[in-house]
Amino acid sequence: MASTSKLTEAIAQDLREAWQKLIKSEKREEIYCFGIYTTELGDYLIPTACGEKGLAKVAKRYVKEGHYKSGEALEALRWSLPDSPHHDTFKYDRTEMLLSDRPDPYGLTESQSDREARTRHQAAYTALKTLDKEGLFGKGKMRESITIVLTGPDNADEFALHWLKKLNPKSVYEAFIEPIHQTPTQGTIEQYGSRKSGTSALALSVDGQYIAIAGDTRAFVFETGPPRQVLAKELPKRGAYANLHGVSFSVEGTLAVLTEEGGKPTLSILTGKNWSKVKHFPLQDKEPLSFVGSPTGDWYAMSTQNNWLTVYAPNDEQLARFKAHKDWPRKIAVSPNSRLLASADRRSGLFVWDTLKWEPAIHNAGIKANAVTFNNKGDRMAVYSPWERDPLRIVNPQTGKVLKTYNLEREIQTAAFSPDDTLLALGMNPIEICDPAEAALVDLKAGKIIRSQYGSHSSIDDLAFITSNGTTKIAIAGDPEDKALMALTVWVLD
């Protein structure tokens, strides 16, 4: 196995050659960033660079293609290393050969993998620091014009800032790094709970007093004003480490949780004081996508990866199964009065199901989407598409007709109506792959985004409005971006 010292030497040689090639071939380029592009586990260590000339060229192209407005592109792309024309143009054969001679981080235990990753990152840091001491990147004012980085697409800001601070003079860190890496937000992010946890789904109780959360392996319940955790429970049993796909509250306060382990789902029904009584029902379907429960508590619906939509009673009794979809219905929805169940996919269009007769009430094949959200009155639906830049449509669930269309040019993962149905909170994928996800607040009358929040999550999978002490907040479920967040993440609007 290649030693750490040999790995450090190989990285330094590859970096020196990359820098010399860059200076020689780009004499008129003003380089402002140089370093190593990596991952959290250090499975590759690639020399990378950014320059003002290259940035201007890329920004001009992106503005022309409509990805950014002219005044936004330069700053938005400044630290996006994969967009730099200098990125991934350097050889790093020595480093690659020695990395292949070391243990694969993905084939080790968690503790062994962490140690190997630390070794690789430390070798990269030492190589950069050694070259800097040699004066390779200049001295004095020349050096202060360059930011040395050790970062990558899978690294949180906490990781990047740790190395940036160690690799650069204080003046560089303060002048270049801190302002750029601060999260641009309108409003603030607050966290609550006893555990750090990614989340996948939220459910607000009918009276608004509680919010339930599907965490990584646990279901959580919080009082909403002020937020206080009252439940954290592994399901379907302690130590199961099952994936939680959805949660729902009935009007009587019954909590339902859908878990999945090895592709097989289990419906857990929690009742009693502090939801202490639990019953589990293994379900017949496999590989669930979305889960909702009727507010009346009479039934639960689940969409699956074989395009089915199945409805169960509060046990394992199957009430209905629909096979009309030809593609994945990613996010299904139930009306506030439990009378309608809505689903959509990108091939078959939109369906609205009558839950008394369990038959289709509406089918609009022209609305190609795969996610649906009801408003609080039940007389409107938001219909949209994760992973596709389709228009956001507001649809009448009684007729299936489109009432209004918004072209936000974004992939919308999830949506939630404000309590008065005048605003729509959206969780949207980033325009650039390495950017964080965006939570946005849309004025439905004006059709404009009036608030936005970046940086807290790499993906936003569910949203819910909560009100406490006269303050409107938006609970966010998804994968954390900067670092592991607590179970309940709340965007407090200003």
Protein backbone atom coordinates (compact mmCIF):
# COMPACT_ATOMS: atom_id res chain seq x y z
CA MET A 1 0.00 0.00 0.00
CA ALA A 2 1.29 3.47 -0.93
CA SER A 3 2.46 5.40 2.13
CA THR A 4 1.03 8.76 3.13
CA SER A 5 4.34 10.51 2.42
CA LYS A 6 4.49 9.08 -1.10
CA LEU A 7 0.88 10.12 -1.71
CA THR A 8 1.67 13.66 -0.52
CA GLU A 9 4.70 13.83 -2.82
CA ALA A 10 2.69 12.58 -5.82
CA ILE A 11 -0.08 15.13 -5.20
CA ALA A 12 2.49 17.92 -4.93
CA GLN A 13 4.15 16.91 -8.23
CA ASP A 14 0.80 16.80 -10.05
CA LEU A 15 -0.21 20.16 -8.59
CA ARG A 16 3.11 21.79 -9.54
CA GLU A 17 2.79 20.62 -13.13
CA ALA A 18 -0.85 21.76 -13.27
CA TRP A 19 0.08 25.24 -12.00
CA GLN A 20 3.03 25.60 -14.38
CA LYS A 21 0.87 24.52 -17.33
CA LEU A 22 -1.81 27.01 -16.32
CA ILE A 23 0.60 29.96 -16.02
CA LYS A 24 2.33 29.10 -19.30
CA SER A 25 -0.78 28.54 -21.42
CA GLU A 26 -2.93 31.30 -19.92
CA LYS A 27 -0.57 34.26 -19.71
CA ARG A 28 -3.38 36.81 -19.86
CA GLU A 29 -5.61 34.95 -17.40
CA GLU A 30 -5.98 36.35 -13.90
CA ILE A 31 -6.16 33.20 -11.76
CA TYR A 32 -8.08 33.76 -8.52
CA CYS A 33 -8.59 30.16 -7.36
CA PHE A 34 -6.41 27.04 -7.44
CA GLY A 35 -6.42 23.78 -5.53
CA ILE A 36 -7.94 20.33 -5.32
CA TYR A 37 -11.43 19.12 -6.16
CA THR A 38 -12.39 16.09 -4.08
CA THR A 39 -15.20 14.30 -2.25
CA GLU A 40 -16.07 13.68 1.37
CA LEU A 41 -14.26 10.33 1.17
CA GLY A 42 -11.40 11.61 -1.00
CA ASP A 43 -11.95 9.00 -3.72
CA TYR A 44 -10.36 11.42 -6.20
CA LEU A 45 -8.05 14.45 -5.80
CA ILE A 46 -8.17 16.54 -8.98
CA PRO A 47 -6.20 19.76 -9.61
CA THR A 48 -8.59 22.59 -10.42
CA ALA A 49 -8.54 26.34 -11.06
CA CYS A 50 -10.69 29.39 -11.81
CA GLY A 51 -9.74 32.62 -13.63
CA GLU A 52 -11.46 35.92 -14.30
CA LYS A 53 -11.25 35.55 -18.10
CA GLY A 54 -12.72 32.06 -18.04
CA LEU A 55 -15.42 33.13 -15.58
CA ALA A 56 -16.52 35.99 -17.84
CA LYS A 57 -16.69 33.66 -20.83
CA VAL A 58 -18.79 31.05 -19.01
CA ALA A 59 -21.06 33.69 -17.46
CA LYS A 60 -21.74 35.24 -20.88
CA ARG A 61 -22.74 31.83 -22.28
CA TYR A 62 -25.02 31.03 -19.36
CA VAL A 63 -26.77 34.40 -19.65
CA LYS A 64 -27.28 33.80 -23.38
CA GLU A 65 -28.80 30.38 -22.65
CA GLY A 66 -31.19 31.94 -20.14
CA HIS A 67 -29.82 30.30 -16.97
CA TYR A 68 -29.00 33.62 -15.28
CA LYS A 69 -29.75 37.30 -15.59
CA SER A 70 -26.77 39.38 -16.72
CA GLY A 71 -26.23 40.93 -13.30
CA GLU A 72 -26.26 37.58 -11.45
CA ALA A 73 -24.05 35.24 -13.46
CA LEU A 74 -20.56 36.37 -12.44
CA GLU A 75 -21.11 36.02 -8.68
CA ALA A 76 -23.31 32.93 -9.00
CA LEU A 77 -20.62 31.07 -11.00
CA ARG A 78 -17.50 32.48 -9.31
CA TRP A 79 -17.00 29.50 -6.99
CA SER A 80 -18.64 26.85 -9.17
CA LEU A 81 -15.46 24.94 -10.02
CA PRO A 82 -17.04 22.48 -12.50
CA ASP A 83 -18.15 25.44 -14.65
CA SER A 84 -14.62 26.79 -14.96
CA PRO A 85 -12.97 26.07 -18.35
CA HIS A 86 -9.79 25.23 -16.39
CA HIS A 87 -11.48 22.52 -14.32
CA ASP A 88 -10.65 18.90 -15.13
CA THR A 89 -8.02 19.86 -17.72
CA PHE A 90 -4.93 18.83 -15.74
CA LYS A 91 -3.26 15.45 -15.48
CA TYR A 92 -3.00 13.80 -12.09
CA ASP A 93 -1.65 10.37 -13.06
CA ARG A 94 0.74 10.04 -10.13
CA THR A 95 -1.97 10.78 -7.59
CA GLU A 96 -4.48 8.50 -9.29
CA MET A 97 -2.01 5.59 -9.36
CA LEU A 98 -1.19 5.89 -5.66
CA LEU A 99 -4.86 6.28 -4.67
CA SER A 100 -5.63 3.03 -6.50
CA ASP A 101 -2.93 1.37 -4.41
CA ARG A 102 -4.67 2.38 -1.18
CA PRO A 103 -7.83 0.84 0.38
CA ASP A 104 -11.09 1.81 -1.35
CA PRO A 105 -13.02 4.02 1.12
CA TYR A 106 -16.33 2.58 -0.10
CA GLY A 107 -15.27 -0.96 0.76
CA LEU A 108 -14.36 -0.31 4.39
CA THR A 109 -16.25 -0.10 7.64
CA GLU A 110 -17.48 3.37 8.59
CA SER A 111 -14.63 4.05 11.02
CA GLN A 112 -12.00 2.69 8.61
CA SER A 113 -13.47 4.74 5.77
CA ASP A 114 -13.32 7.91 7.88
CA ARG A 115 -9.66 7.28 8.71
CA GLU A 116 -8.77 6.68 5.06
CA ALA A 117 -10.62 9.84 4.02
CA ARG A 118 -8.79 11.89 6.65
CA THR A 119 -5.47 10.50 5.44
CA ARG A 120 -6.20 11.48 1.85
CA HIS A 121 -7.43 14.96 2.75
CA GLN A 122 -4.44 15.57 5.02
CA ALA A 123 -2.06 14.49 2.22
CA ALA A 124 -3.76 16.92 -0.15
CA TYR A 125 -3.58 19.73 2.41
CA THR A 126 0.10 19.07 3.14
CA ALA A 127 0.93 19.09 -0.59
CA LEU A 128 -0.82 22.43 -1.13
CA LYS A 129 0.72 23.95 1.99
CA THR A 130 4.21 22.80 0.97
CA LEU A 131 3.90 24.36 -2.49
CA ASP A 132 2.60 27.55 -0.96
CA LYS A 133 5.59 27.78 1.40
CA GLU A 134 7.87 27.33 -1.61
CA GLY A 135 6.29 30.44 -3.10
CA LEU A 136 4.76 28.65 -6.09
CA PHE A 137 1.60 30.78 -5.88
CA GLY A 138 3.49 34.02 -5.35
CA LYS A 139 4.40 36.21 -2.41
CA GLY A 140 2.84 39.22 -0.74
CA LYS A 141 0.13 40.95 -2.79
CA MET A 142 0.34 38.36 -5.57
CA ARG A 143 -0.38 35.56 -3.12
CA GLU A 144 -3.25 37.49 -1.57
CA SER A 145 -5.01 37.58 -4.96
CA ILE A 146 -5.32 33.76 -5.06
CA THR A 147 -7.56 31.53 -2.95
CA ILE A 148 -6.23 28.01 -2.40
CA VAL A 149 -9.04 25.44 -2.05
CA LEU A 150 -9.65 21.87 -0.99
CA THR A 151 -13.31 21.30 -1.77
CA GLY A 152 -15.75 19.41 -4.01
CA PRO A 153 -19.35 18.62 -4.95
CA ASP A 154 -20.09 16.33 -2.01
CA ASN A 155 -18.39 18.50 0.61
CA ALA A 156 -20.38 20.66 2.99
CA ASP A 157 -19.36 24.28 3.50
CA GLU A 158 -18.08 23.27 6.93
CA PHE A 159 -15.53 20.96 5.27
CA ALA A 160 -14.51 23.54 2.65
CA LEU A 161 -14.18 26.38 5.16
CA HIS A 162 -12.04 24.21 7.46
CA TRP A 163 -9.39 23.74 4.78
CA LEU A 164 -9.76 27.21 3.26
CA LYS A 165 -8.96 28.78 6.61
CA LYS A 166 -5.89 26.57 7.06
CA LEU A 167 -4.62 27.03 3.51
CA ASN A 168 -4.90 30.81 3.13
CA PRO A 169 -3.62 33.95 4.84
CA LYS A 170 -6.12 35.59 7.14
CA SER A 171 -6.55 38.50 4.74
CA VAL A 172 -7.56 36.12 1.92
CA TYR A 173 -9.97 34.21 4.12
CA GLU A 174 -11.69 37.35 5.34
CA ALA A 175 -11.74 39.19 2.01
CA PHE A 176 -12.74 36.37 -0.32
CA ILE A 177 -14.16 33.42 1.55
CA GLU A 178 -16.41 34.54 4.38
CA PRO A 179 -18.68 36.87 2.35
CA ILE A 180 -19.10 34.36 -0.46
CA HIS A 181 -19.81 31.30 1.67
CA GLN A 182 -22.38 32.96 3.89
CA THR A 183 -25.80 31.52 3.13
CA PRO A 184 -27.88 34.09 1.21
CA THR A 185 -31.25 33.99 2.95
CA GLN A 186 -34.38 36.04 3.40
CA GLY A 187 -35.49 35.02 6.86
CA THR A 188 -33.61 32.71 9.20
CA ILE A 189 -33.25 28.96 9.75
CA GLU A 190 -33.98 27.50 13.18
CA GLN A 191 -33.49 23.91 14.34
CA TYR A 192 -35.26 21.82 16.95
CA GLY A 193 -35.02 18.29 18.29
CA SER A 194 -32.89 15.83 20.19
CA ARG A 195 -31.22 14.26 17.15
CA LYS A 196 -29.60 15.26 13.90
CA SER A 197 -31.56 13.73 11.08
CA GLY A 198 -32.30 14.05 7.41
CA THR A 199 -36.05 14.05 6.81
CA SER A 200 -38.33 12.92 3.99
CA ALA A 201 -41.88 13.99 4.86
CA LEU A 202 -43.96 16.22 7.15
CA ALA A 203 -47.56 16.16 8.36
CA LEU A 204 -49.43 18.81 10.32
CA SER A 205 -52.21 17.79 12.69
CA VAL A 206 -55.69 19.04 11.75
CA ASP A 207 -55.73 21.54 14.64
CA GLY A 208 -52.19 22.70 13.81
CA GLN A 209 -50.93 21.80 17.28
CA TYR A 210 -48.45 19.12 16.20
CA ILE A 211 -46.14 18.41 13.30
CA ALA A 212 -44.98 14.86 12.54
CA ILE A 213 -41.71 14.14 10.77
CA ALA A 214 -40.41 11.13 8.87
CA GLY A 215 -36.73 11.15 9.81
CA ASP A 216 -33.92 8.94 8.53
CA THR A 217 -34.86 6.04 10.81
CA ARG A 218 -37.21 7.64 13.34
CA ALA A 219 -40.60 9.28 13.47
CA PHE A 220 -40.66 12.56 15.39
CA VAL A 221 -43.53 14.68 16.70
CA PHE A 222 -43.21 18.30 17.81
CA GLU A 223 -45.60 20.74 19.35
CA THR A 224 -45.72 23.69 16.97
CA GLY A 225 -45.84 26.66 19.31
CA PRO A 226 -43.23 26.96 20.52
CA PRO A 227 -41.61 23.84 18.92
CA ARG A 228 -41.03 21.14 21.52
CA GLN A 229 -40.22 17.51 20.78
CA VAL A 230 -42.71 15.05 22.26
CA LEU A 231 -41.86 11.87 20.33
CA ALA A 232 -38.78 10.25 18.75
CA LYS A 233 -39.38 6.62 17.90
CA GLU A 234 -37.62 4.03 15.73
CA LEU A 235 -40.09 2.18 13.51
CA PRO A 236 -41.29 -0.43 12.86
CA LYS A 237 -39.10 -1.61 15.73
CA ARG A 238 -36.04 -0.50 17.62
CA GLY A 239 -32.83 -1.02 15.67
CA ALA A 240 -34.67 -1.69 12.40
CA TYR A 241 -33.00 1.21 10.52
CA ALA A 242 -35.88 1.19 8.07
CA ASN A 243 -36.49 4.06 5.66
CA LEU A 244 -39.45 6.26 6.57
CA HIS A 245 -41.48 7.30 3.50
CA GLY A 246 -44.39 9.23 4.96
CA VAL A 247 -46.43 10.36 7.94
CA SER A 248 -50.04 11.47 8.41
CA PHE A 249 -52.37 12.67 11.16
CA SER A 250 -56.08 11.92 11.40
CA VAL A 251 -58.57 14.41 12.83
CA GLU A 252 -58.60 12.34 16.03
CA GLY A 253 -54.81 12.61 16.35
CA THR A 254 -53.91 9.10 15.18
CA LEU A 255 -50.40 9.07 13.72
CA ALA A 256 -49.67 6.80 10.76
CA VAL A 257 -46.13 6.12 9.51
CA LEU A 258 -45.05 4.22 6.40
CA THR A 259 -41.66 2.51 6.68
CA GLU A 260 -39.79 0.45 4.12
CA GLU A 261 -37.06 -2.12 4.65
CA GLY A 262 -35.64 -4.16 1.79
CA GLY A 263 -38.35 -2.83 -0.51
CA LYS A 264 -41.15 -4.10 1.75
CA PRO A 265 -43.41 -1.46 3.38
CA THR A 266 -44.97 -1.55 6.83
CA LEU A 267 -47.85 0.65 8.01
CA SER A 268 -47.48 1.63 11.67
CA ILE A 269 -50.50 3.11 13.48
CA LEU A 270 -49.74 5.05 16.69
CA THR A 271 -52.52 5.97 19.14
CA GLY A 272 -53.02 6.72 22.83
CA LYS A 273 -51.30 9.25 25.05
CA ASN A 274 -48.00 10.37 23.50
CA TRP A 275 -48.68 7.82 20.72
CA SER A 276 -47.51 5.02 23.02
CA LYS A 277 -49.75 2.30 21.49
CA VAL A 278 -48.36 0.98 18.22
CA LYS A 279 -49.69 -1.57 15.75
CA HIS A 280 -47.77 -2.70 12.68
CA PHE A 281 -49.23 -3.99 9.41
CA PRO A 282 -46.94 -5.44 6.71
CA LEU A 283 -48.34 -4.41 3.31
CA GLN A 284 -48.46 -6.38 0.08
CA ASP A 285 -46.92 -3.73 -2.17
CA LYS A 286 -43.22 -3.10 -2.72
CA GLU A 287 -40.94 -0.09 -3.23
CA PRO A 288 -43.19 2.81 -2.15
CA LEU A 289 -42.85 6.29 -3.63
CA SER A 290 -45.43 8.42 -1.82
CA PHE A 291 -47.81 8.04 1.12
CA VAL A 292 -50.87 9.95 2.36
CA GLY A 293 -53.58 9.30 4.94
CA SER A 294 -57.14 10.54 4.89
CA PRO A 295 -57.84 13.23 7.51
CA THR A 296 -60.79 11.12 8.68
CA GLY A 297 -58.40 8.23 9.40
CA ASP A 298 -60.45 5.79 7.30
CA TRP A 299 -57.81 4.89 4.73
CA TYR A 300 -54.18 5.27 3.64
CA ALA A 301 -52.90 5.44 0.06
CA MET A 302 -49.48 4.58 -1.34
CA SER A 303 -47.95 4.92 -4.80
CA THR A 304 -45.21 2.49 -5.81
CA GLN A 305 -42.43 2.08 -8.35
CA ASN A 306 -44.50 -0.36 -10.41
CA ASN A 307 -46.86 2.61 -11.09
CA TRP A 308 -49.65 1.30 -8.85
CA LEU A 309 -51.78 3.28 -6.44
CA THR A 310 -53.05 1.14 -3.57
CA VAL A 311 -55.45 2.08 -0.76
CA TYR A 312 -55.56 0.34 2.62
CA ALA A 313 -57.86 0.47 5.63
CA PRO A 314 -56.20 1.26 9.02
CA ASN A 315 -54.77 -2.27 8.89
CA ASP A 316 -53.57 -4.44 6.00
CA GLU A 317 -57.00 -4.72 4.33
CA GLN A 318 -56.81 -3.54 0.72
CA LEU A 319 -59.67 -1.20 -0.24
CA ALA A 320 -58.64 -0.37 -3.80
CA ARG A 321 -55.84 -0.68 -6.31
CA PHE A 322 -55.45 1.48 -9.42
CA LYS A 323 -53.22 0.49 -12.32
CA ALA A 324 -54.01 3.41 -14.62
CA HIS A 325 -50.61 5.07 -14.33
CA LYS A 326 -47.94 4.36 -16.93
CA ASP A 327 -45.14 6.13 -15.07
CA TRP A 328 -44.22 6.95 -11.46
CA PRO A 329 -46.75 9.04 -9.49
CA ARG A 330 -44.07 10.57 -7.26
CA LYS A 331 -46.23 12.63 -4.92
CA ILE A 332 -49.92 11.91 -4.32
CA ALA A 333 -52.36 14.06 -2.32
CA VAL A 334 -55.65 13.86 -0.42
CA SER A 335 -58.24 16.64 -0.13
CA PRO A 336 -58.93 18.12 3.34
CA ASN A 337 -62.39 16.47 3.46
CA SER A 338 -60.97 13.06 2.46
CA ARG A 339 -63.33 12.88 -0.54
CA LEU A 340 -60.68 13.10 -3.26
CA LEU A 341 -57.34 11.41 -3.89
CA ALA A 342 -55.14 12.92 -6.61
CA SER A 343 -52.19 11.45 -8.50
CA ALA A 344 -50.34 12.20 -11.71
CA ASP A 345 -47.56 10.93 -13.94
CA ARG A 346 -45.74 12.23 -16.98
CA ARG A 347 -47.27 9.74 -19.43
CA SER A 348 -50.86 9.23 -18.28
CA GLY A 349 -51.53 12.73 -16.92
CA LEU A 350 -53.63 13.75 -13.90
CA PHE A 351 -56.16 11.55 -12.09
CA VAL A 352 -58.59 12.54 -9.34
CA TRP A 353 -60.19 9.57 -7.58
CA ASP A 354 -63.55 9.49 -5.79
CA THR A 355 -62.82 7.96 -2.37
CA LEU A 356 -66.43 6.95 -1.69
CA LYS A 357 -66.77 4.84 -4.83
CA TRP A 358 -63.05 4.24 -5.39
CA GLU A 359 -63.24 5.09 -9.06
CA PRO A 360 -61.78 7.88 -11.24
CA ALA A 361 -63.72 11.13 -11.01
CA ILE A 362 -61.42 13.17 -13.28
CA HIS A 363 -58.75 12.29 -15.83
CA ASN A 364 -56.85 14.99 -17.72
CA ALA A 365 -54.24 13.31 -19.94
CA GLY A 366 -52.96 16.70 -21.05
CA ILE A 367 -51.48 17.62 -17.65
CA LYS A 368 -48.14 15.84 -17.78
CA ALA A 369 -46.72 15.94 -14.27
CA ASN A 370 -46.07 13.56 -11.38
CA ALA A 371 -46.72 15.50 -8.17
CA VAL A 372 -49.90 17.00 -6.68
CA THR A 373 -50.72 19.15 -3.62
CA PHE A 374 -54.21 20.23 -2.43
CA ASN A 375 -54.87 23.65 -0.95
CA ASN A 376 -56.53 24.07 2.46
CA LYS A 377 -60.04 24.61 1.10
CA GLY A 378 -59.80 21.62 -1.25
CA ASP A 379 -60.92 23.64 -4.27
CA ARG A 380 -57.48 23.98 -5.89
CA MET A 381 -54.49 21.76 -6.58
CA ALA A 382 -50.89 22.57 -7.43
CA VAL A 383 -49.62 20.16 -10.09
CA TYR A 384 -45.90 20.05 -10.87
CA SER A 385 -42.93 17.81 -11.73
CA PRO A 386 -39.81 16.89 -9.77
CA TRP A 387 -36.78 16.42 -12.07
CA GLU A 388 -38.49 18.19 -15.00
CA ARG A 389 -38.73 21.93 -15.71
CA ASP A 390 -42.45 21.77 -16.39
CA PRO A 391 -44.83 24.66 -15.68
CA LEU A 392 -46.48 24.85 -12.27
CA ARG A 393 -50.24 24.57 -12.77
CA ILE A 394 -53.13 25.42 -10.47
CA VAL A 395 -55.99 23.02 -11.27
CA ASN A 396 -59.65 22.74 -10.27
CA PRO A 397 -60.05 19.23 -8.75
CA GLN A 398 -63.77 19.15 -9.57
CA THR A 399 -63.29 19.70 -13.32
CA GLY A 400 -59.64 18.90 -13.97
CA LYS A 401 -59.24 22.24 -15.77
CA VAL A 402 -56.10 24.35 -15.50
CA LEU A 403 -56.90 27.70 -13.83
CA LYS A 404 -53.45 29.29 -13.93
CA THR A 405 -49.95 28.45 -15.14
CA TYR A 406 -46.62 29.68 -13.78
CA ASN A 407 -43.38 29.20 -15.71
CA LEU A 408 -40.70 29.32 -13.03
CA GLU A 409 -38.20 27.33 -15.13
CA ARG A 410 -37.29 25.13 -12.17
CA GLU A 411 -37.67 21.52 -11.10
CA ILE A 412 -40.24 21.66 -8.28
CA GLN A 413 -39.85 18.88 -5.73
CA THR A 414 -42.68 19.78 -3.37
CA ALA A 415 -45.27 22.45 -2.63
CA ALA A 416 -47.43 23.64 0.28
CA PHE A 417 -50.21 26.24 0.40
CA SER A 418 -50.24 28.91 3.09
CA PRO A 419 -53.14 28.73 5.59
CA ASP A 420 -55.07 31.40 3.64
CA ASP A 421 -54.19 29.82 0.24
CA THR A 422 -52.70 33.06 -1.11
CA LEU A 423 -49.08 31.89 -1.05
CA LEU A 424 -47.35 28.72 -2.20
CA ALA A 425 -44.12 27.47 -0.65
CA LEU A 426 -41.96 25.51 -3.08
CA GLY A 427 -38.95 23.25 -2.67
CA MET A 428 -36.94 23.43 -5.90
CA ASN A 429 -33.85 21.71 -7.27
CA PRO A 430 -30.83 23.97 -7.86
CA ILE A 431 -30.06 25.27 -11.34
CA GLU A 432 -26.49 23.97 -10.98
CA ILE A 433 -25.92 20.44 -9.69
CA CYS A 434 -23.44 21.45 -6.98
CA ASP A 435 -25.62 24.28 -5.63
CA PRO A 436 -27.98 23.88 -2.64
CA ALA A 437 -31.72 23.53 -3.11
CA GLU A 438 -34.00 26.55 -2.89
CA ALA A 439 -37.08 27.10 -0.75
CA ALA A 440 -39.23 29.81 -2.29
CA LEU A 441 -42.44 31.60 -1.44
CA VAL A 442 -44.69 32.46 -4.41
CA ASP A 443 -47.46 35.08 -4.40
CA LEU A 444 -50.14 33.21 -6.35
CA LYS A 445 -51.94 36.38 -7.45
CA ALA A 446 -48.84 38.13 -8.75
CA GLY A 447 -47.17 34.91 -9.89
CA LYS A 448 -43.82 36.01 -8.45
CA ILE A 449 -41.31 34.65 -5.95
CA ILE A 450 -41.36 37.06 -3.00
CA ARG A 451 -39.03 35.23 -0.59
CA SER A 452 -36.32 32.62 -1.04
CA GLN A 453 -33.92 30.64 1.12
CA TYR A 454 -30.76 28.84 -0.08
CA GLY A 455 -28.14 26.80 1.62
CA SER A 456 -29.80 24.77 4.34
CA HIS A 457 -30.59 21.66 2.24
CA SER A 458 -29.17 19.83 -0.78
CA SER A 459 -32.70 18.63 -1.54
CA ILE A 460 -36.12 19.71 -0.24
CA ASP A 461 -38.64 16.86 -0.18
CA ASP A 462 -41.57 18.30 1.79
CA LEU A 463 -42.83 21.58 3.27
CA ALA A 464 -45.47 22.62 5.79
CA PHE A 465 -46.66 25.99 7.10
CA ILE A 466 -46.78 26.33 10.87
CA THR A 467 -47.89 29.34 12.90
CA SER A 468 -46.80 30.07 16.46
CA ASN A 469 -47.05 33.24 18.52
CA GLY A 470 -48.28 35.16 15.48
CA THR A 471 -45.19 34.22 13.42
CA THR A 472 -45.47 32.32 10.15
CA LYS A 473 -42.83 29.65 9.64
CA ILE A 474 -42.21 26.96 7.05
CA ALA A 475 -41.00 23.54 8.16
CA ILE A 476 -38.55 21.99 5.68
CA ALA A 477 -37.88 18.28 5.14
CA GLY A 478 -34.93 17.09 3.07
CA ASP A 479 -31.23 16.25 3.05
CA PRO A 480 -29.06 18.79 4.91
CA GLU A 481 -26.54 20.79 2.89
CA ASP A 482 -24.01 22.38 5.24
CA LYS A 483 -24.06 19.86 8.07
CA ALA A 484 -26.47 17.46 9.72
CA LEU A 485 -29.51 19.41 10.88
CA MET A 486 -31.81 18.60 13.76
CA ALA A 487 -34.99 16.68 13.04
CA LEU A 488 -37.11 19.83 12.66
CA THR A 489 -35.77 22.59 10.42
CA VAL A 490 -37.85 25.76 10.27
CA TRP A 491 -37.58 28.73 7.91
CA VAL A 492 -38.74 31.78 9.86
CA LEU A 493 -40.06 34.42 7.46
CA ASP A 494 -39.15 38.04 8.10
